[in-house]
Amino acid sequence: MDELAAAVLAGEEPIFHPNTGEPFHEAHLHPAAAAGLDVPRYCQICGRRMVAQVRPDGWSTKCSRHGELDSDWLYEEHLPA
């Protein structure tokens, strides 16, 4: 499992906000992000912009340094091996 996925699945507090890339406690969110409806587009570990792919059944993102995260992995039955 990649470092990003491990941090999110372990419930670690982000250093950078996944929707803005700003330091987590300084982030100013737009309404969709505040409601939890936006795809994470920034790595919560390093703040880099990630490649995001939105699918009909969810989304996936990839940080060039910390790896991938998929919305399916947020559900216990879909965790990567």
PDB file of N, CA and C in Angstrom:
ATOM      1  N   MET A   1       0.842  -1.169   0.000  1.00  0.00           N
ATOM      2  CA  MET A   1       0.000   0.000   0.000  1.00  0.00           C
ATOM      3  C   MET A   1       0.899   1.247   0.000  1.00  0.00           C
ATOM      4  N   ASP A   2       0.527   2.224  -0.798  1.00  0.00           N
ATOM      5  CA  ASP A   2       1.293   3.462  -0.896  1.00  0.00           C
ATOM      6  C   ASP A   2       1.146   4.299   0.367  1.00  0.00           C
ATOM      7  N   GLU A   3       2.092   5.225   0.559  1.00  0.00           N
ATOM      8  CA  GLU A   3       2.121   6.067   1.760  1.00  0.00           C
ATOM      9  C   GLU A   3       0.855   6.924   1.886  1.00  0.00           C
ATOM     10  N   LEU A   4       0.364   7.467   0.777  1.00  0.00           N
ATOM     11  CA  LEU A   4      -0.837   8.297   0.811  1.00  0.00           C
ATOM     12  C   LEU A   4      -2.048   7.482   1.258  1.00  0.00           C
ATOM     13  N   ALA A   5      -2.260   6.335   0.646  1.00  0.00           N
ATOM     14  CA  ALA A   5      -3.395   5.485   1.012  1.00  0.00           C
ATOM     15  C   ALA A   5      -3.297   5.054   2.472  1.00  0.00           C
ATOM     16  N   ALA A   6      -2.104   4.699   2.920  1.00  0.00           N
ATOM     17  CA  ALA A   6      -1.926   4.272   4.305  1.00  0.00           C
ATOM     18  C   ALA A   6      -2.279   5.400   5.276  1.00  0.00           C
ATOM     19  N   ALA A   7      -1.880   6.637   4.961  1.00  0.00           N
ATOM     20  CA  ALA A   7      -2.176   7.775   5.836  1.00  0.00           C
ATOM     21  C   ALA A   7      -3.677   8.051   5.902  1.00  0.00           C
ATOM     22  N   VAL A   8      -4.343   8.023   4.756  1.00  0.00           N
ATOM     23  CA  VAL A   8      -5.790   8.290   4.724  1.00  0.00           C
ATOM     24  C   VAL A   8      -6.553   7.183   5.437  1.00  0.00           C
ATOM     25  N   LEU A   9      -6.225   5.934   5.146  1.00  0.00           N
ATOM     26  CA  LEU A   9      -6.948   4.816   5.749  1.00  0.00           C
ATOM     27  C   LEU A   9      -6.688   4.690   7.246  1.00  0.00           C
ATOM     28  N   ALA A  10      -5.532   5.177   7.710  1.00  0.00           N
ATOM     29  CA  ALA A  10      -5.227   5.152   9.146  1.00  0.00           C
ATOM     30  C   ALA A  10      -5.891   6.324   9.872  1.00  0.00           C
ATOM     31  N   GLY A  11      -6.466   7.262   9.115  1.00  0.00           N
ATOM     32  CA  GLY A  11      -7.144   8.398   9.731  1.00  0.00           C
ATOM     33  C   GLY A  11      -6.191   9.477  10.222  1.00  0.00           C
ATOM     34  N   GLU A  12      -4.980   9.514   9.674  1.00  0.00           N
ATOM     35  CA  GLU A  12      -4.013  10.532  10.083  1.00  0.00           C
ATOM     36  C   GLU A  12      -4.506  11.919   9.677  1.00  0.00           C
ATOM     37  N   GLU A  13      -4.280  12.906  10.541  1.00  0.00           N
ATOM     38  CA  GLU A  13      -4.677  14.266  10.210  1.00  0.00           C
ATOM     39  C   GLU A  13      -3.798  14.779   9.078  1.00  0.00           C
ATOM     40  N   PRO A  14      -4.411  15.343   8.029  1.00  0.00           N
ATOM     41  CA  PRO A  14      -3.627  15.855   6.903  1.00  0.00           C
ATOM     42  C   PRO A  14      -2.744  17.031   7.299  1.00  0.00           C
ATOM     43  N   ILE A  15      -1.605  17.146   6.644  1.00  0.00           N
ATOM     44  CA  ILE A  15      -0.735  18.307   6.799  1.00  0.00           C
ATOM     45  C   ILE A  15      -1.241  19.408   5.877  1.00  0.00           C
ATOM     46  N   PHE A  16      -1.623  19.010   4.654  1.00  0.00           N
ATOM     47  CA  PHE A  16      -2.176  19.925   3.664  1.00  0.00           C
ATOM     48  C   PHE A  16      -3.604  19.500   3.343  1.00  0.00           C
ATOM     49  N   HIS A  17      -4.459  20.478   3.050  1.00  0.00           N
ATOM     50  CA  HIS A  17      -5.859  20.144   2.759  1.00  0.00           C
ATOM     51  C   HIS A  17      -5.955  19.489   1.386  1.00  0.00           C
ATOM     52  N   PRO A  18      -6.646  18.345   1.275  1.00  0.00           N
ATOM     53  CA  PRO A  18      -6.711  17.627   0.005  1.00  0.00           C
ATOM     54  C   PRO A  18      -7.513  18.340  -1.086  1.00  0.00           C
ATOM     55  N   ASN A  19      -8.268  19.377  -0.745  1.00  0.00           N
ATOM     56  CA  ASN A  19      -9.030  20.093  -1.762  1.00  0.00           C
ATOM     57  C   ASN A  19      -8.409  21.420  -2.166  1.00  0.00           C
ATOM     58  N   THR A  20      -7.477  21.939  -1.379  1.00  0.00           N
ATOM     59  CA  THR A  20      -6.905  23.251  -1.685  1.00  0.00           C
ATOM     60  C   THR A  20      -5.389  23.242  -1.778  1.00  0.00           C
ATOM     61  N   GLY A  21      -4.727  22.308  -1.124  1.00  0.00           N
ATOM     62  CA  GLY A  21      -3.275  22.272  -1.084  1.00  0.00           C
ATOM     63  C   GLY A  21      -2.680  23.231  -0.060  1.00  0.00           C
ATOM     64  N   GLU A  22      -3.534  23.993   0.621  1.00  0.00           N
ATOM     65  CA  GLU A  22      -3.081  24.916   1.662  1.00  0.00           C
ATOM     66  C   GLU A  22      -2.812  24.137   2.949  1.00  0.00           C
ATOM     67  N   PRO A  23      -2.013  24.709   3.860  1.00  0.00           N
ATOM     68  CA  PRO A  23      -1.867  24.050   5.165  1.00  0.00           C
ATOM     69  C   PRO A  23      -3.260  23.757   5.736  1.00  0.00           C
ATOM     70  N   PHE A  24      -3.428  22.581   6.318  1.00  0.00           N
ATOM     71  CA  PHE A  24      -4.762  22.072   6.674  1.00  0.00           C
ATOM     72  C   PHE A  24      -5.604  23.047   7.490  1.00  0.00           C
ATOM     73  N   HIS A  25      -5.030  23.666   8.481  1.00  0.00           N
ATOM     74  CA  HIS A  25      -5.819  24.528   9.363  1.00  0.00           C
ATOM     75  C   HIS A  25      -6.028  25.930   8.805  1.00  0.00           C
ATOM     76  N   GLU A  26      -5.455  26.224   7.639  1.00  0.00           N
ATOM     77  CA  GLU A  26      -5.610  27.539   7.016  1.00  0.00           C
ATOM     78  C   GLU A  26      -6.478  27.492   5.762  1.00  0.00           C
ATOM     79  N   ALA A  27      -7.007  26.333   5.414  1.00  0.00           N
ATOM     80  CA  ALA A  27      -7.730  26.155   4.158  1.00  0.00           C
ATOM     81  C   ALA A  27      -9.064  26.890   4.162  1.00  0.00           C
ATOM     82  N   HIS A  28      -9.345  27.535   3.041  1.00  0.00           N
ATOM     83  CA  HIS A  28     -10.637  28.181   2.811  1.00  0.00           C
ATOM     84  C   HIS A  28     -11.356  27.361   1.746  1.00  0.00           C
ATOM     85  N   LEU A  29     -12.428  26.693   2.125  1.00  0.00           N
ATOM     86  CA  LEU A  29     -13.087  25.747   1.234  1.00  0.00           C
ATOM     87  C   LEU A  29     -14.279  26.350   0.506  1.00  0.00           C
ATOM     88  N   HIS A  30     -14.467  25.916  -0.733  1.00  0.00           N
ATOM     89  CA  HIS A  30     -15.686  26.268  -1.454  1.00  0.00           C
ATOM     90  C   HIS A  30     -16.783  25.319  -0.988  1.00  0.00           C
ATOM     91  N   PRO A  31     -18.052  25.613  -1.251  1.00  0.00           N
ATOM     92  CA  PRO A  31     -19.159  24.826  -0.686  1.00  0.00           C
ATOM     93  C   PRO A  31     -19.105  23.323  -0.977  1.00  0.00           C
ATOM     94  N   ALA A  32     -18.719  22.923  -2.182  1.00  0.00           N
ATOM     95  CA  ALA A  32     -18.679  21.488  -2.502  1.00  0.00           C
ATOM     96  C   ALA A  32     -17.623  20.760  -1.674  1.00  0.00           C
ATOM     97  N   ALA A  33     -16.478  21.382  -1.499  1.00  0.00           N
ATOM     98  CA  ALA A  33     -15.407  20.768  -0.698  1.00  0.00           C
ATOM     99  C   ALA A  33     -15.815  20.712   0.768  1.00  0.00           C
ATOM    100  N   ALA A  34     -16.446  21.771   1.256  1.00  0.00           N
ATOM    101  CA  ALA A  34     -16.886  21.799   2.655  1.00  0.00           C
ATOM    102  C   ALA A  34     -17.922  20.719   2.926  1.00  0.00           C
ATOM    103  N   ALA A  35     -18.724  20.382   1.925  1.00  0.00           N
ATOM    104  CA  ALA A  35     -19.746  19.344   2.073  1.00  0.00           C
ATOM    105  C   ALA A  35     -19.181  17.945   1.854  1.00  0.00           C
ATOM    106  N   GLY A  36     -17.901  17.845   1.484  1.00  0.00           N
ATOM    107  CA  GLY A  36     -17.283  16.538   1.252  1.00  0.00           C
ATOM    108  C   GLY A  36     -17.602  15.954  -0.104  1.00  0.00           C
ATOM    109  N   LEU A  37     -18.005  16.786  -1.059  1.00  0.00           N
ATOM    110  CA  LEU A  37     -18.420  16.304  -2.371  1.00  0.00           C
ATOM    111  C   LEU A  37     -17.349  16.442  -3.447  1.00  0.00           C
ATOM    112  N   ASP A  38     -16.227  17.051  -3.126  1.00  0.00           N
ATOM    113  CA  ASP A  38     -15.180  17.279  -4.112  1.00  0.00           C
ATOM    114  C   ASP A  38     -14.108  16.201  -4.023  1.00  0.00           C
ATOM    115  N   VAL A  39     -13.530  15.868  -5.161  1.00  0.00           N
ATOM    116  CA  VAL A  39     -12.445  14.885  -5.236  1.00  0.00           C
ATOM    117  C   VAL A  39     -11.174  15.503  -4.644  1.00  0.00           C
ATOM    118  N   PRO A  40     -10.415  14.771  -3.827  1.00  0.00           N
ATOM    119  CA  PRO A  40      -9.145  15.323  -3.333  1.00  0.00           C
ATOM    120  C   PRO A  40      -8.183  15.516  -4.502  1.00  0.00           C
ATOM    121  N   ARG A  41      -7.704  16.727  -4.673  1.00  0.00           N
ATOM    122  CA  ARG A  41      -6.836  17.035  -5.811  1.00  0.00           C
ATOM    123  C   ARG A  41      -5.421  17.405  -5.399  1.00  0.00           C
ATOM    124  N   TYR A  42      -5.170  17.445  -4.090  1.00  0.00           N
ATOM    125  CA  TYR A  42      -3.842  17.754  -3.566  1.00  0.00           C
ATOM    126  C   TYR A  42      -3.461  16.674  -2.559  1.00  0.00           C
ATOM    127  N   CYS A  43      -2.191  16.307  -2.557  1.00  0.00           N
ATOM    128  CA  CYS A  43      -1.696  15.304  -1.618  1.00  0.00           C
ATOM    129  C   CYS A  43      -1.759  15.878  -0.203  1.00  0.00           C
ATOM    130  N   GLN A  44      -2.334  15.128   0.714  1.00  0.00           N
ATOM    131  CA  GLN A  44      -2.444  15.616   2.093  1.00  0.00           C
ATOM    132  C   GLN A  44      -1.121  15.524   2.844  1.00  0.00           C
ATOM    133  N   ILE A  45      -0.128  14.870   2.266  1.00  0.00           N
ATOM    134  CA  ILE A  45       1.182  14.753   2.905  1.00  0.00           C
ATOM    135  C   ILE A  45       2.119  15.873   2.452  1.00  0.00           C
ATOM    136  N   CYS A  46       2.165  16.148   1.141  1.00  0.00           N
ATOM    137  CA  CYS A  46       3.130  17.131   0.629  1.00  0.00           C
ATOM    138  C   CYS A  46       2.485  18.368  -0.004  1.00  0.00           C
ATOM    139  N   GLY A  47       1.195  18.344  -0.272  1.00  0.00           N
ATOM    140  CA  GLY A  47       0.512  19.493  -0.851  1.00  0.00           C
ATOM    141  C   GLY A  47       0.640  19.615  -2.359  1.00  0.00           C
ATOM    142  N   ARG A  48       1.291  18.638  -3.014  1.00  0.00           N
ATOM    143  CA  ARG A  48       1.425  18.680  -4.480  1.00  0.00           C
ATOM    144  C   ARG A  48       0.089  18.395  -5.152  1.00  0.00           C
ATOM    145  N   ARG A  49      -0.109  19.015  -6.307  1.00  0.00           N
ATOM    146  CA  ARG A  49      -1.300  18.739  -7.119  1.00  0.00           C
ATOM    147  C   ARG A  49      -1.210  17.300  -7.613  1.00  0.00           C
ATOM    148  N   MET A  50      -2.312  16.573  -7.516  1.00  0.00           N
ATOM    149  CA  MET A  50      -2.340  15.172  -7.950  1.00  0.00           C
ATOM    150  C   MET A  50      -3.106  15.034  -9.253  1.00  0.00           C
ATOM    151  N   VAL A  51      -2.856  13.945  -9.950  1.00  0.00           N
ATOM    152  CA  VAL A  51      -3.642  13.579 -11.113  1.00  0.00           C
ATOM    153  C   VAL A  51      -4.915  12.943 -10.574  1.00  0.00           C
ATOM    154  N   ALA A  52      -6.066  13.483 -10.969  1.00  0.00           N
ATOM    155  CA  ALA A  52      -7.341  12.956 -10.476  1.00  0.00           C
ATOM    156  C   ALA A  52      -8.154  12.415 -11.642  1.00  0.00           C
ATOM    157  N   GLN A  53      -8.770  11.262 -11.434  1.00  0.00           N
ATOM    158  CA  GLN A  53      -9.636  10.639 -12.437  1.00  0.00           C
ATOM    159  C   GLN A  53     -10.998  10.416 -11.803  1.00  0.00           C
ATOM    160  N   VAL A  54     -12.030  11.033 -12.358  1.00  0.00           N
ATOM    161  CA  VAL A  54     -13.385  10.857 -11.850  1.00  0.00           C
ATOM    162  C   VAL A  54     -14.080   9.820 -12.727  1.00  0.00           C
ATOM    163  N   ARG A  55     -14.662   8.816 -12.077  1.00  0.00           N
ATOM    164  CA  ARG A  55     -15.376   7.741 -12.764  1.00  0.00           C
ATOM    165  C   ARG A  55     -16.844   7.780 -12.354  1.00  0.00           C
ATOM    166  N   PRO A  56     -17.714   7.105 -13.079  1.00  0.00           N
ATOM    167  CA  PRO A  56     -19.122   7.051 -12.671  1.00  0.00           C
ATOM    168  C   PRO A  56     -19.312   6.435 -11.273  1.00  0.00           C
ATOM    169  N   ASP A  57     -18.410   5.539 -10.885  1.00  0.00           N
ATOM    170  CA  ASP A  57     -18.559   4.854  -9.596  1.00  0.00           C
ATOM    171  C   ASP A  57     -17.630   5.394  -8.510  1.00  0.00           C
ATOM    172  N   GLY A  58     -16.908   6.494  -8.751  1.00  0.00           N
ATOM    173  CA  GLY A  58     -16.012   7.042  -7.737  1.00  0.00           C
ATOM    174  C   GLY A  58     -14.900   7.853  -8.361  1.00  0.00           C
ATOM    175  N   TRP A  59     -13.720   7.792  -7.752  1.00  0.00           N
ATOM    176  CA  TRP A  59     -12.574   8.564  -8.233  1.00  0.00           C
ATOM    177  C   TRP A  59     -11.279   7.885  -7.818  1.00  0.00           C
ATOM    178  N   SER A  60     -10.189   8.302  -8.462  1.00  0.00           N
ATOM    179  CA  SER A  60      -8.847   7.882  -8.049  1.00  0.00           C
ATOM    180  C   SER A  60      -7.918   9.082  -8.226  1.00  0.00           C
ATOM    181  N   THR A  61      -6.899   9.151  -7.398  1.00  0.00           N
ATOM    182  CA  THR A  61      -5.911  10.218  -7.465  1.00  0.00           C
ATOM    183  C   THR A  61      -4.527   9.617  -7.324  1.00  0.00           C
ATOM    184  N   LYS A  62      -3.519  10.363  -7.812  1.00  0.00           N
ATOM    185  CA  LYS A  62      -2.149   9.861  -7.706  1.00  0.00           C
ATOM    186  C   LYS A  62      -1.199  11.023  -7.479  1.00  0.00           C
ATOM    187  N   CYS A  63      -0.431  10.917  -6.400  1.00  0.00           N
ATOM    188  CA  CYS A  63       0.638  11.860  -6.092  1.00  0.00           C
ATOM    189  C   CYS A  63       1.931  11.267  -6.651  1.00  0.00           C
ATOM    190  N   SER A  64       2.724  12.099  -7.306  1.00  0.00           N
ATOM    191  CA  SER A  64       3.971  11.592  -7.893  1.00  0.00           C
ATOM    192  C   SER A  64       4.957  11.116  -6.836  1.00  0.00           C
ATOM    193  N   ARG A  65       4.818  11.574  -5.599  1.00  0.00           N
ATOM    194  CA  ARG A  65       5.732  11.196  -4.518  1.00  0.00           C
ATOM    195  C   ARG A  65       5.164  10.144  -3.567  1.00  0.00           C
ATOM    196  N   HIS A  66       3.845  10.217  -3.291  1.00  0.00           N
ATOM    197  CA  HIS A  66       3.280   9.394  -2.222  1.00  0.00           C
ATOM    198  C   HIS A  66       2.285   8.338  -2.670  1.00  0.00           C
ATOM    199  N   GLY A  67       2.065   8.210  -3.974  1.00  0.00           N
ATOM    200  CA  GLY A  67       1.270   7.109  -4.486  1.00  0.00           C
ATOM    201  C   GLY A  67      -0.189   7.416  -4.737  1.00  0.00           C
ATOM    202  N   GLU A  68      -0.984   6.355  -4.790  1.00  0.00           N
ATOM    203  CA  GLU A  68      -2.368   6.432  -5.218  1.00  0.00           C
ATOM    204  C   GLU A  68      -3.357   6.337  -4.061  1.00  0.00           C
ATOM    205  N   LEU A  69      -4.558   6.849  -4.336  1.00  0.00           N
ATOM    206  CA  LEU A  69      -5.694   6.709  -3.443  1.00  0.00           C
ATOM    207  C   LEU A  69      -6.922   6.531  -4.315  1.00  0.00           C
ATOM    208  N   ASP A  70      -7.769   5.577  -3.976  1.00  0.00           N
ATOM    209  CA  ASP A  70      -8.985   5.304  -4.740  1.00  0.00           C
ATOM    210  C   ASP A  70     -10.171   5.373  -3.798  1.00  0.00           C
ATOM    211  N   SER A  71     -11.263   5.956  -4.255  1.00  0.00           N
ATOM    212  CA  SER A  71     -12.449   6.075  -3.401  1.00  0.00           C
ATOM    213  C   SER A  71     -12.971   4.712  -2.962  1.00  0.00           C
ATOM    214  N   ASP A  72     -12.767   3.688  -3.762  1.00  0.00           N
ATOM    215  CA  ASP A  72     -13.200   2.331  -3.378  1.00  0.00           C
ATOM    216  C   ASP A  72     -12.492   1.856  -2.113  1.00  0.00           C
ATOM    217  N   TRP A  73     -11.256   2.317  -1.882  1.00  0.00           N
ATOM    218  CA  TRP A  73     -10.482   1.864  -0.735  1.00  0.00           C
ATOM    219  C   TRP A  73     -11.019   2.428   0.576  1.00  0.00           C
ATOM    220  N   LEU A  74     -11.874   3.428   0.485  1.00  0.00           N
ATOM    221  CA  LEU A  74     -12.440   4.010   1.702  1.00  0.00           C
ATOM    222  C   LEU A  74     -13.500   3.103   2.315  1.00  0.00           C
ATOM    223  N   TYR A  75     -13.857   2.056   1.585  1.00  0.00           N
ATOM    224  CA  TYR A  75     -14.794   1.055   2.083  1.00  0.00           C
ATOM    225  C   TYR A  75     -14.019  -0.212   2.378  1.00  0.00           C
ATOM    226  N   GLU A  76     -14.184  -0.760   3.544  1.00  0.00           N
ATOM    227  CA  GLU A  76     -13.373  -1.867   4.046  1.00  0.00           C
ATOM    228  C   GLU A  76     -13.281  -3.055   3.101  1.00  0.00           C
ATOM    229  N   GLU A  77     -14.356  -3.393   2.413  1.00  0.00           N
ATOM    230  CA  GLU A  77     -14.350  -4.584   1.561  1.00  0.00           C
ATOM    231  C   GLU A  77     -13.528  -4.403   0.288  1.00  0.00           C
ATOM    232  N   HIS A  78     -13.081  -3.176  -0.021  1.00  0.00           N
ATOM    233  CA  HIS A  78     -12.332  -2.922  -1.236  1.00  0.00           C
ATOM    234  C   HIS A  78     -10.876  -2.565  -1.000  1.00  0.00           C
ATOM    235  N   LEU A  79     -10.345  -2.786   0.169  1.00  0.00           N
ATOM    236  CA  LEU A  79      -8.968  -2.421   0.474  1.00  0.00           C
ATOM    237  C   LEU A  79      -7.986  -3.162  -0.431  1.00  0.00           C
ATOM    238  N   PRO A  80      -6.916  -2.468  -0.878  1.00  0.00           N
ATOM    239  CA  PRO A  80      -5.914  -3.149  -1.712  1.00  0.00           C
ATOM    240  C   PRO A  80      -5.134  -4.169  -0.903  1.00  0.00           C
ATOM    241  N   ALA A  81      -4.634  -5.180  -1.581  1.00  0.00           N
ATOM    242  CA  ALA A  81      -3.881  -6.243  -0.902  1.00  0.00           C
ATOM    243  C   ALA A  81      -2.507  -5.776  -0.495  1.00  0.00           C
TER     244      ALA A  81
END
